[in-house]
Amino acid sequence: MSVSHSAPLDCENLVRPLDQLDLQSLEGRWALVGDSVKNAENEKILKQKDSVTIYFHNSTYIQSDRHAENCQYDSHNVSIEGNHFNAQTQNYNFSGTFFHTSCSDCVLFRLDVVSPVYMPLDLILVSRRRELEPKEMEEFRAQVECLKMPPPIVMDPTKELCPKQATSSSTSR
């Protein structure tokens, strides 16, 4: 009788922060592929979204959330140094760290939100593609496990993304 054991995760290599983020490669549109959310209320909110699109342009981060036929846009100025980024809104401070991923057209980052009320933590995978290869998703799930985060919510790649909103008419929620 043989017993199979899954190989232990090599967490040291799986969750290595980037040394330096290439800012030009960050520019443009990214679709949310998966998000491990440590806050139950934020998880509930994410599950209600059909799709999430993130645009990076210069020092601006724009997130568009699709709920059925409606899109909501939220814009933030961000500062990026090395593998870290920071943004502030009236109620929240965001900080994050970019991590290595074997997915060539993906960005993986941890997002920490600090507010007087709560401090959620997310591990977010975005890509230029809507759907990733199984091995890329396996790597993401292993990274989530290494960071002792809840199983990720994987977005439905068939749901429509919001169109890019003109910069002059961007609104914040």
N, C-alpha and C. Protein backbone atom coordinates (compact mmCIF):
# COMPACT_ATOMS: atom_id res chain seq x y z
N MET A 1 0.85 -1.17 0.00
CA MET A 1 0.00 0.00 0.00
C MET A 1 0.89 1.24 0.00
N SER A 2 0.60 2.17 -0.88
CA SER A 2 1.39 3.41 -0.91
C SER A 2 0.52 4.58 -0.49
N VAL A 3 1.15 5.51 0.16
CA VAL A 3 0.46 6.70 0.61
C VAL A 3 1.13 7.89 -0.06
N SER A 4 0.34 8.70 -0.72
CA SER A 4 0.94 9.86 -1.37
C SER A 4 0.76 11.09 -0.48
N HIS A 5 1.79 11.87 -0.45
CA HIS A 5 1.77 13.13 0.29
C HIS A 5 2.05 14.25 -0.69
N SER A 6 1.33 15.34 -0.56
CA SER A 6 1.63 16.46 -1.43
C SER A 6 2.94 17.09 -0.97
N ALA A 7 3.68 17.56 -1.94
CA ALA A 7 4.98 18.17 -1.63
C ALA A 7 4.77 19.42 -0.79
N PRO A 8 5.67 19.67 0.17
CA PRO A 8 5.51 20.89 0.96
C PRO A 8 5.72 22.11 0.06
N LEU A 9 5.02 23.16 0.37
CA LEU A 9 5.13 24.38 -0.41
C LEU A 9 6.48 25.04 -0.16
N ASP A 10 7.08 25.56 -1.21
CA ASP A 10 8.33 26.30 -1.09
C ASP A 10 7.98 27.78 -0.94
N CYS A 11 7.46 28.11 0.22
CA CYS A 11 6.91 29.45 0.44
C CYS A 11 7.96 30.56 0.29
N GLU A 12 9.19 30.25 0.62
CA GLU A 12 10.23 31.28 0.51
C GLU A 12 10.36 31.77 -0.93
N ASN A 13 10.26 30.85 -1.89
CA ASN A 13 10.34 31.24 -3.30
C ASN A 13 9.02 31.71 -3.86
N LEU A 14 7.92 31.19 -3.33
CA LEU A 14 6.60 31.55 -3.86
C LEU A 14 6.17 32.97 -3.51
N VAL A 15 6.58 33.49 -2.39
CA VAL A 15 6.12 34.82 -1.96
C VAL A 15 7.30 35.78 -1.77
N ARG A 16 8.11 35.86 -2.82
CA ARG A 16 9.23 36.80 -2.80
C ARG A 16 8.78 38.16 -3.32
N PRO A 17 8.96 39.22 -2.53
CA PRO A 17 8.66 40.55 -3.05
C PRO A 17 9.56 40.87 -4.24
N LEU A 18 9.03 41.64 -5.16
CA LEU A 18 9.85 42.11 -6.28
C LEU A 18 10.97 42.99 -5.73
N ASP A 19 12.11 42.98 -6.40
CA ASP A 19 13.18 43.89 -6.02
C ASP A 19 12.83 45.31 -6.43
N GLN A 20 12.39 45.44 -7.67
CA GLN A 20 12.04 46.74 -8.23
C GLN A 20 10.94 46.53 -9.25
N LEU A 21 9.89 47.29 -9.16
CA LEU A 21 8.79 47.19 -10.11
C LEU A 21 9.13 48.02 -11.34
N ASP A 22 8.92 47.47 -12.52
CA ASP A 22 9.08 48.20 -13.77
C ASP A 22 7.80 49.00 -13.99
N LEU A 23 7.87 50.30 -13.73
CA LEU A 23 6.67 51.14 -13.79
C LEU A 23 6.03 51.16 -15.18
N GLN A 24 6.84 51.11 -16.23
CA GLN A 24 6.26 51.13 -17.58
C GLN A 24 5.45 49.88 -17.85
N SER A 25 5.86 48.75 -17.29
CA SER A 25 5.10 47.51 -17.51
C SER A 25 3.79 47.51 -16.74
N LEU A 26 3.67 48.38 -15.75
CA LEU A 26 2.45 48.48 -14.95
C LEU A 26 1.37 49.30 -15.64
N GLU A 27 1.78 50.17 -16.55
CA GLU A 27 0.84 51.06 -17.25
C GLU A 27 -0.24 50.28 -17.99
N GLY A 28 -1.46 50.81 -17.96
CA GLY A 28 -2.53 50.24 -18.77
C GLY A 28 -3.59 49.52 -17.97
N ARG A 29 -4.35 48.70 -18.70
CA ARG A 29 -5.53 48.02 -18.13
C ARG A 29 -5.18 46.62 -17.63
N TRP A 30 -5.72 46.31 -16.46
CA TRP A 30 -5.56 45.00 -15.84
C TRP A 30 -6.92 44.51 -15.38
N ALA A 31 -7.20 43.23 -15.58
CA ALA A 31 -8.44 42.64 -15.11
C ALA A 31 -8.15 41.85 -13.83
N LEU A 32 -9.02 42.00 -12.84
CA LEU A 32 -8.89 41.20 -11.62
C LEU A 32 -9.19 39.74 -11.97
N VAL A 33 -8.24 38.87 -11.66
CA VAL A 33 -8.41 37.43 -11.88
C VAL A 33 -8.83 36.76 -10.59
N GLY A 34 -8.13 37.08 -9.50
CA GLY A 34 -8.43 36.48 -8.22
C GLY A 34 -8.05 37.38 -7.08
N ASP A 35 -8.74 37.21 -5.95
CA ASP A 35 -8.50 38.05 -4.78
C ASP A 35 -8.77 37.22 -3.54
N SER A 36 -7.76 37.11 -2.70
CA SER A 36 -7.93 36.47 -1.39
C SER A 36 -8.18 37.60 -0.40
N VAL A 37 -9.34 37.57 0.22
CA VAL A 37 -9.81 38.67 1.06
C VAL A 37 -9.90 38.20 2.51
N LYS A 38 -9.21 38.89 3.41
CA LYS A 38 -9.23 38.47 4.81
C LYS A 38 -10.37 39.07 5.61
N ASN A 39 -11.13 40.00 5.03
CA ASN A 39 -12.22 40.65 5.73
C ASN A 39 -13.55 40.14 5.15
N ALA A 40 -14.40 39.56 5.99
CA ALA A 40 -15.64 38.93 5.53
C ALA A 40 -16.57 39.92 4.82
N GLU A 41 -16.65 41.14 5.30
CA GLU A 41 -17.52 42.14 4.66
C GLU A 41 -17.01 42.48 3.25
N ASN A 42 -15.69 42.63 3.11
CA ASN A 42 -15.11 42.92 1.79
C ASN A 42 -15.28 41.73 0.85
N GLU A 43 -15.21 40.52 1.39
CA GLU A 43 -15.43 39.32 0.57
C GLU A 43 -16.85 39.33 0.01
N LYS A 44 -17.80 39.67 0.84
CA LYS A 44 -19.21 39.73 0.42
C LYS A 44 -19.39 40.77 -0.69
N ILE A 45 -18.75 41.93 -0.53
CA ILE A 45 -18.84 42.99 -1.54
C ILE A 45 -18.22 42.53 -2.86
N LEU A 46 -17.06 41.89 -2.79
CA LEU A 46 -16.38 41.42 -4.00
C LEU A 46 -17.24 40.40 -4.75
N LYS A 47 -17.88 39.51 -4.03
CA LYS A 47 -18.70 38.48 -4.67
C LYS A 47 -19.90 39.07 -5.40
N GLN A 48 -20.28 40.29 -5.08
CA GLN A 48 -21.41 40.95 -5.75
C GLN A 48 -20.99 41.63 -7.05
N LYS A 49 -19.69 41.74 -7.28
CA LYS A 49 -19.19 42.41 -8.49
C LYS A 49 -19.08 41.40 -9.63
N ASP A 50 -19.46 41.85 -10.83
CA ASP A 50 -19.30 41.01 -12.02
C ASP A 50 -17.86 41.00 -12.49
N SER A 51 -17.22 42.16 -12.44
CA SER A 51 -15.82 42.27 -12.86
C SER A 51 -15.19 43.48 -12.20
N VAL A 52 -13.87 43.47 -12.16
CA VAL A 52 -13.10 44.59 -11.63
C VAL A 52 -11.95 44.84 -12.60
N THR A 53 -11.81 46.09 -13.00
CA THR A 53 -10.72 46.49 -13.88
C THR A 53 -9.89 47.53 -13.16
N ILE A 54 -8.58 47.43 -13.32
CA ILE A 54 -7.67 48.40 -12.72
C ILE A 54 -6.85 49.02 -13.84
N TYR A 55 -6.77 50.34 -13.83
CA TYR A 55 -5.93 51.07 -14.78
C TYR A 55 -4.84 51.77 -14.00
N PHE A 56 -3.61 51.60 -14.44
CA PHE A 56 -2.49 52.36 -13.88
C PHE A 56 -2.03 53.32 -14.97
N HIS A 57 -1.92 54.59 -14.61
CA HIS A 57 -1.39 55.57 -15.55
C HIS A 57 -0.62 56.61 -14.75
N ASN A 58 0.68 56.73 -15.06
CA ASN A 58 1.57 57.61 -14.30
C ASN A 58 1.43 57.30 -12.82
N SER A 59 0.96 58.25 -12.04
CA SER A 59 0.80 58.00 -10.60
C SER A 59 -0.67 57.86 -10.21
N THR A 60 -1.50 57.43 -11.16
CA THR A 60 -2.93 57.29 -10.89
C THR A 60 -3.35 55.82 -10.99
N TYR A 61 -4.17 55.42 -10.05
CA TYR A 61 -4.75 54.08 -9.98
C TYR A 61 -6.25 54.28 -10.08
N ILE A 62 -6.87 53.71 -11.12
CA ILE A 62 -8.32 53.81 -11.28
C ILE A 62 -8.89 52.40 -11.24
N GLN A 63 -9.85 52.20 -10.38
CA GLN A 63 -10.53 50.90 -10.29
C GLN A 63 -11.95 51.07 -10.76
N SER A 64 -12.37 50.18 -11.67
CA SER A 64 -13.77 50.19 -12.11
C SER A 64 -14.40 48.86 -11.74
N ASP A 65 -15.54 48.95 -11.10
CA ASP A 65 -16.28 47.78 -10.64
C ASP A 65 -17.58 47.68 -11.42
N ARG A 66 -17.83 46.53 -12.02
CA ARG A 66 -19.08 46.33 -12.76
C ARG A 66 -20.05 45.54 -11.89
N HIS A 67 -21.25 46.11 -11.75
CA HIS A 67 -22.38 45.46 -11.10
C HIS A 67 -23.48 45.43 -12.15
N ALA A 68 -23.73 44.29 -12.77
CA ALA A 68 -24.72 44.17 -13.85
C ALA A 68 -24.36 45.16 -14.95
N GLU A 69 -25.24 46.12 -15.23
CA GLU A 69 -24.99 47.08 -16.31
C GLU A 69 -24.33 48.37 -15.82
N ASN A 70 -24.06 48.47 -14.53
CA ASN A 70 -23.51 49.71 -13.98
C ASN A 70 -22.04 49.58 -13.66
N CYS A 71 -21.30 50.66 -13.91
CA CYS A 71 -19.88 50.72 -13.56
C CYS A 71 -19.65 51.84 -12.56
N GLN A 72 -18.85 51.54 -11.55
CA GLN A 72 -18.43 52.54 -10.58
C GLN A 72 -16.93 52.71 -10.72
N TYR A 73 -16.48 53.96 -10.70
CA TYR A 73 -15.07 54.28 -10.88
C TYR A 73 -14.54 54.93 -9.61
N ASP A 74 -13.33 54.56 -9.25
CA ASP A 74 -12.69 55.10 -8.06
C ASP A 74 -11.24 55.39 -8.43
N SER A 75 -10.81 56.61 -8.26
CA SER A 75 -9.48 57.03 -8.67
C SER A 75 -8.65 57.45 -7.46
N HIS A 76 -7.38 57.05 -7.47
CA HIS A 76 -6.46 57.41 -6.38
C HIS A 76 -5.10 57.77 -6.97
N ASN A 77 -4.45 58.73 -6.35
CA ASN A 77 -3.06 58.99 -6.68
C ASN A 77 -2.23 58.03 -5.85
N VAL A 78 -1.23 57.42 -6.47
CA VAL A 78 -0.39 56.47 -5.76
C VAL A 78 1.07 56.87 -5.90
N SER A 79 1.84 56.51 -4.90
CA SER A 79 3.29 56.66 -5.00
C SER A 79 3.88 55.26 -4.94
N ILE A 80 4.82 55.01 -5.84
CA ILE A 80 5.45 53.69 -5.93
C ILE A 80 6.94 53.87 -5.77
N GLU A 81 7.51 53.11 -4.83
CA GLU A 81 8.95 53.10 -4.61
C GLU A 81 9.40 51.67 -4.49
N GLY A 82 10.29 51.25 -5.38
CA GLY A 82 10.78 49.88 -5.34
C GLY A 82 9.65 48.90 -5.58
N ASN A 83 9.33 48.10 -4.56
CA ASN A 83 8.25 47.12 -4.69
C ASN A 83 7.04 47.48 -3.82
N HIS A 84 6.99 48.71 -3.32
CA HIS A 84 5.91 49.15 -2.45
C HIS A 84 5.13 50.30 -3.08
N PHE A 85 3.86 50.40 -2.71
CA PHE A 85 3.06 51.54 -3.14
C PHE A 85 2.21 52.02 -1.98
N ASN A 86 1.82 53.28 -2.05
CA ASN A 86 0.97 53.91 -1.04
C ASN A 86 -0.05 54.81 -1.72
N ALA A 87 -1.23 54.89 -1.12
CA ALA A 87 -2.28 55.79 -1.58
C ALA A 87 -3.10 56.19 -0.37
N GLN A 88 -3.69 57.38 -0.45
CA GLN A 88 -4.53 57.85 0.63
C GLN A 88 -5.84 58.37 0.08
N THR A 89 -6.91 58.13 0.84
CA THR A 89 -8.20 58.75 0.56
C THR A 89 -8.60 59.48 1.83
N GLN A 90 -9.77 60.03 1.81
CA GLN A 90 -10.25 60.75 2.99
C GLN A 90 -10.34 59.82 4.20
N ASN A 91 -10.75 58.56 3.99
CA ASN A 91 -10.99 57.65 5.11
C ASN A 91 -9.98 56.52 5.25
N TYR A 92 -9.16 56.30 4.23
CA TYR A 92 -8.30 55.12 4.25
C TYR A 92 -6.88 55.45 3.82
N ASN A 93 -5.96 54.66 4.34
CA ASN A 93 -4.58 54.64 3.84
C ASN A 93 -4.35 53.26 3.25
N PHE A 94 -3.88 53.21 2.02
CA PHE A 94 -3.59 51.96 1.35
C PHE A 94 -2.08 51.81 1.25
N SER A 95 -1.59 50.63 1.50
CA SER A 95 -0.19 50.33 1.22
C SER A 95 -0.13 48.93 0.63
N GLY A 96 0.88 48.69 -0.14
CA GLY A 96 0.96 47.38 -0.77
C GLY A 96 2.36 47.00 -1.14
N THR A 97 2.52 45.72 -1.43
CA THR A 97 3.79 45.15 -1.85
C THR A 97 3.55 44.31 -3.08
N PHE A 98 4.41 44.49 -4.09
CA PHE A 98 4.34 43.69 -5.31
C PHE A 98 5.22 42.45 -5.13
N PHE A 99 4.70 41.29 -5.60
CA PHE A 99 5.40 40.02 -5.47
C PHE A 99 5.71 39.41 -6.83
N HIS A 100 6.71 38.53 -6.84
CA HIS A 100 7.03 37.77 -8.05
C HIS A 100 5.88 36.83 -8.39
N THR A 101 5.68 36.61 -9.68
CA THR A 101 4.76 35.60 -10.18
C THR A 101 5.36 35.07 -11.48
N SER A 102 5.14 33.79 -11.77
CA SER A 102 5.67 33.22 -13.01
C SER A 102 4.80 33.61 -14.20
N CYS A 103 3.64 34.16 -13.96
CA CYS A 103 2.73 34.61 -15.01
C CYS A 103 3.32 35.88 -15.63
N SER A 104 3.67 35.82 -16.90
CA SER A 104 4.38 36.93 -17.54
C SER A 104 3.54 38.19 -17.75
N ASP A 105 2.23 38.05 -17.82
CA ASP A 105 1.38 39.23 -18.02
C ASP A 105 0.45 39.44 -16.82
N CYS A 106 0.98 39.15 -15.63
CA CYS A 106 0.23 39.31 -14.38
C CYS A 106 0.98 40.22 -13.43
N VAL A 107 0.24 40.77 -12.49
CA VAL A 107 0.82 41.50 -11.37
C VAL A 107 0.16 40.94 -10.11
N LEU A 108 0.99 40.61 -9.13
CA LEU A 108 0.53 40.08 -7.86
C LEU A 108 0.91 41.08 -6.78
N PHE A 109 -0.07 41.50 -5.98
CA PHE A 109 0.26 42.42 -4.90
C PHE A 109 -0.62 42.19 -3.68
N ARG A 110 -0.02 42.48 -2.55
CA ARG A 110 -0.76 42.45 -1.28
C ARG A 110 -1.20 43.87 -1.02
N LEU A 111 -2.44 44.02 -0.61
CA LEU A 111 -3.01 45.33 -0.33
C LEU A 111 -3.42 45.37 1.13
N ASP A 112 -2.85 46.31 1.86
CA ASP A 112 -3.22 46.55 3.25
C ASP A 112 -3.99 47.86 3.29
N VAL A 113 -5.14 47.85 3.92
CA VAL A 113 -5.95 49.05 4.06
C VAL A 113 -6.04 49.38 5.54
N VAL A 114 -5.67 50.60 5.88
CA VAL A 114 -5.71 51.02 7.28
C VAL A 114 -6.76 52.12 7.41
N SER A 115 -7.70 51.89 8.30
CA SER A 115 -8.73 52.90 8.58
C SER A 115 -9.01 52.85 10.08
N PRO A 116 -9.70 53.86 10.59
CA PRO A 116 -10.04 53.84 12.01
C PRO A 116 -10.98 52.68 12.37
N VAL A 117 -11.72 52.16 11.39
CA VAL A 117 -12.74 51.17 11.67
C VAL A 117 -12.24 49.74 11.50
N TYR A 118 -11.49 49.47 10.44
CA TYR A 118 -11.03 48.11 10.20
C TYR A 118 -9.76 48.11 9.37
N MET A 119 -9.09 46.93 9.33
CA MET A 119 -7.84 46.82 8.59
C MET A 119 -7.84 45.54 7.76
N PRO A 120 -8.51 45.57 6.59
CA PRO A 120 -8.53 44.37 5.75
C PRO A 120 -7.18 44.15 5.05
N LEU A 121 -7.01 42.95 4.58
CA LEU A 121 -5.79 42.55 3.88
C LEU A 121 -6.22 41.71 2.69
N ASP A 122 -5.67 42.01 1.52
CA ASP A 122 -6.00 41.26 0.30
C ASP A 122 -4.70 40.82 -0.38
N LEU A 123 -4.76 39.69 -1.07
CA LEU A 123 -3.72 39.29 -2.00
C LEU A 123 -4.40 39.24 -3.36
N ILE A 124 -3.96 40.11 -4.26
CA ILE A 124 -4.67 40.37 -5.51
C ILE A 124 -3.83 39.96 -6.70
N LEU A 125 -4.45 39.24 -7.64
CA LEU A 125 -3.81 38.86 -8.88
C LEU A 125 -4.58 39.49 -10.03
N VAL A 126 -3.89 40.32 -10.81
CA VAL A 126 -4.48 40.93 -12.00
C VAL A 126 -3.68 40.49 -13.21
N SER A 127 -4.32 40.54 -14.37
CA SER A 127 -3.64 40.11 -15.59
C SER A 127 -4.15 40.91 -16.77
N ARG A 128 -3.37 40.89 -17.84
CA ARG A 128 -3.82 41.48 -19.11
C ARG A 128 -4.87 40.56 -19.74
N ARG A 129 -4.82 39.28 -19.37
CA ARG A 129 -5.80 38.29 -19.85
C ARG A 129 -6.91 38.16 -18.84
N ARG A 130 -8.04 37.64 -19.27
CA ARG A 130 -9.17 37.43 -18.37
C ARG A 130 -9.09 36.09 -17.67
N GLU A 131 -8.46 35.11 -18.32
CA GLU A 131 -8.40 33.75 -17.77
C GLU A 131 -6.97 33.26 -17.87
N LEU A 132 -6.49 32.65 -16.80
CA LEU A 132 -5.11 32.18 -16.76
C LEU A 132 -5.04 30.68 -16.97
N GLU A 133 -3.83 30.21 -17.23
CA GLU A 133 -3.58 28.78 -17.37
C GLU A 133 -3.73 28.12 -16.00
N PRO A 134 -4.11 26.84 -15.95
CA PRO A 134 -4.25 26.15 -14.66
C PRO A 134 -3.00 26.24 -13.79
N LYS A 135 -1.80 26.12 -14.37
CA LYS A 135 -0.57 26.17 -13.55
C LYS A 135 -0.37 27.55 -12.94
N GLU A 136 -0.82 28.61 -13.64
CA GLU A 136 -0.71 29.96 -13.09
C GLU A 136 -1.67 30.14 -11.91
N MET A 137 -2.85 29.57 -12.03
CA MET A 137 -3.81 29.64 -10.93
C MET A 137 -3.35 28.79 -9.74
N GLU A 138 -2.74 27.64 -10.03
CA GLU A 138 -2.19 26.81 -8.95
C GLU A 138 -1.13 27.57 -8.18
N GLU A 139 -0.28 28.29 -8.89
CA GLU A 139 0.75 29.08 -8.22
C GLU A 139 0.11 30.15 -7.33
N PHE A 140 -0.91 30.83 -7.84
CA PHE A 140 -1.59 31.85 -7.05
C PHE A 140 -2.20 31.25 -5.79
N ARG A 141 -2.87 30.12 -5.94
CA ARG A 141 -3.47 29.47 -4.76
C ARG A 141 -2.40 29.06 -3.74
N ALA A 142 -1.24 28.62 -4.23
CA ALA A 142 -0.14 28.26 -3.32
C ALA A 142 0.40 29.51 -2.62
N GLN A 143 0.48 30.63 -3.34
CA GLN A 143 0.94 31.88 -2.72
C GLN A 143 -0.04 32.32 -1.63
N VAL A 144 -1.32 32.18 -1.91
CA VAL A 144 -2.36 32.50 -0.92
C VAL A 144 -2.18 31.63 0.32
N GLU A 145 -1.97 30.34 0.09
CA GLU A 145 -1.79 29.41 1.21
C GLU A 145 -0.54 29.75 2.02
N CYS A 146 0.55 30.09 1.34
CA CYS A 146 1.78 30.44 2.04
C CYS A 146 1.59 31.65 2.95
N LEU A 147 0.76 32.59 2.52
CA LEU A 147 0.52 33.79 3.32
C LEU A 147 -0.62 33.60 4.33
N LYS A 148 -1.10 32.35 4.42
CA LYS A 148 -2.16 32.00 5.37
C LYS A 148 -3.40 32.88 5.19
N MET A 149 -3.75 33.05 3.92
CA MET A 149 -4.93 33.83 3.56
C MET A 149 -6.07 32.88 3.21
N PRO A 150 -7.31 33.37 3.20
CA PRO A 150 -8.46 32.53 2.81
C PRO A 150 -8.36 32.16 1.32
N PRO A 151 -9.04 31.09 0.90
CA PRO A 151 -9.05 30.73 -0.52
C PRO A 151 -9.51 31.92 -1.37
N PRO A 152 -8.89 32.10 -2.54
CA PRO A 152 -9.23 33.27 -3.35
C PRO A 152 -10.60 33.17 -4.01
N ILE A 153 -11.17 34.33 -4.23
CA ILE A 153 -12.36 34.46 -5.06
C ILE A 153 -11.83 34.65 -6.48
N VAL A 154 -12.29 33.80 -7.39
CA VAL A 154 -11.84 33.88 -8.78
C VAL A 154 -12.98 34.49 -9.60
N MET A 155 -12.63 35.53 -10.33
CA MET A 155 -13.64 36.25 -11.10
C MET A 155 -14.03 35.45 -12.35
N ASP A 156 -15.26 35.64 -12.79
CA ASP A 156 -15.79 34.98 -13.99
C ASP A 156 -15.25 35.71 -15.22
N PRO A 157 -14.41 35.04 -16.03
CA PRO A 157 -13.79 35.72 -17.18
C PRO A 157 -14.77 36.05 -18.31
N THR A 158 -15.99 35.54 -18.22
CA THR A 158 -16.96 35.82 -19.29
C THR A 158 -17.74 37.11 -19.03
N LYS A 159 -17.61 37.66 -17.84
CA LYS A 159 -18.35 38.89 -17.50
C LYS A 159 -17.64 40.10 -18.12
N GLU A 160 -18.43 41.02 -18.60
CA GLU A 160 -17.90 42.20 -19.28
C GLU A 160 -17.17 43.12 -18.31
N LEU A 161 -16.07 43.72 -18.81
CA LEU A 161 -15.33 44.72 -18.05
C LEU A 161 -15.94 46.09 -18.31
N CYS A 162 -15.71 47.01 -17.39
CA CYS A 162 -16.14 48.39 -17.60
C CYS A 162 -15.24 49.04 -18.63
N PRO A 163 -15.79 49.96 -19.43
CA PRO A 163 -14.94 50.71 -20.36
C PRO A 163 -14.08 51.70 -19.58
N LYS A 164 -12.98 52.10 -20.20
CA LYS A 164 -12.12 53.10 -19.58
C LYS A 164 -12.88 54.41 -19.53
N GLN A 165 -12.83 55.07 -18.39
CA GLN A 165 -13.54 56.32 -18.22
C GLN A 165 -12.59 57.47 -18.56
N ALA A 166 -13.11 58.51 -19.21
CA ALA A 166 -12.29 59.67 -19.53
C ALA A 166 -11.76 60.29 -18.25
N THR A 167 -10.48 60.67 -18.25
CA THR A 167 -9.83 61.19 -17.05
C THR A 167 -10.54 62.43 -16.50
N SER A 168 -11.02 63.28 -17.38
CA SER A 168 -11.65 64.53 -16.92
C SER A 168 -12.96 64.29 -16.17
N SER A 169 -13.57 63.13 -16.40
CA SER A 169 -14.86 62.90 -15.73
C SER A 169 -14.78 61.78 -14.69
N SER A 170 -13.57 61.43 -14.26
CA SER A 170 -13.42 60.39 -13.25
C SER A 170 -14.08 60.82 -11.95
N THR A 171 -14.72 59.86 -11.34
CA THR A 171 -15.37 60.16 -10.06
C THR A 171 -14.89 59.16 -9.02
N SER A 172 -14.96 59.57 -7.80
CA SER A 172 -14.63 58.67 -6.69
C SER A 172 -15.90 58.34 -5.97
N ARG A 173 -15.93 57.11 -5.43
CA ARG A 173 -17.10 56.75 -4.64
C ARG A 173 -16.92 57.23 -3.24
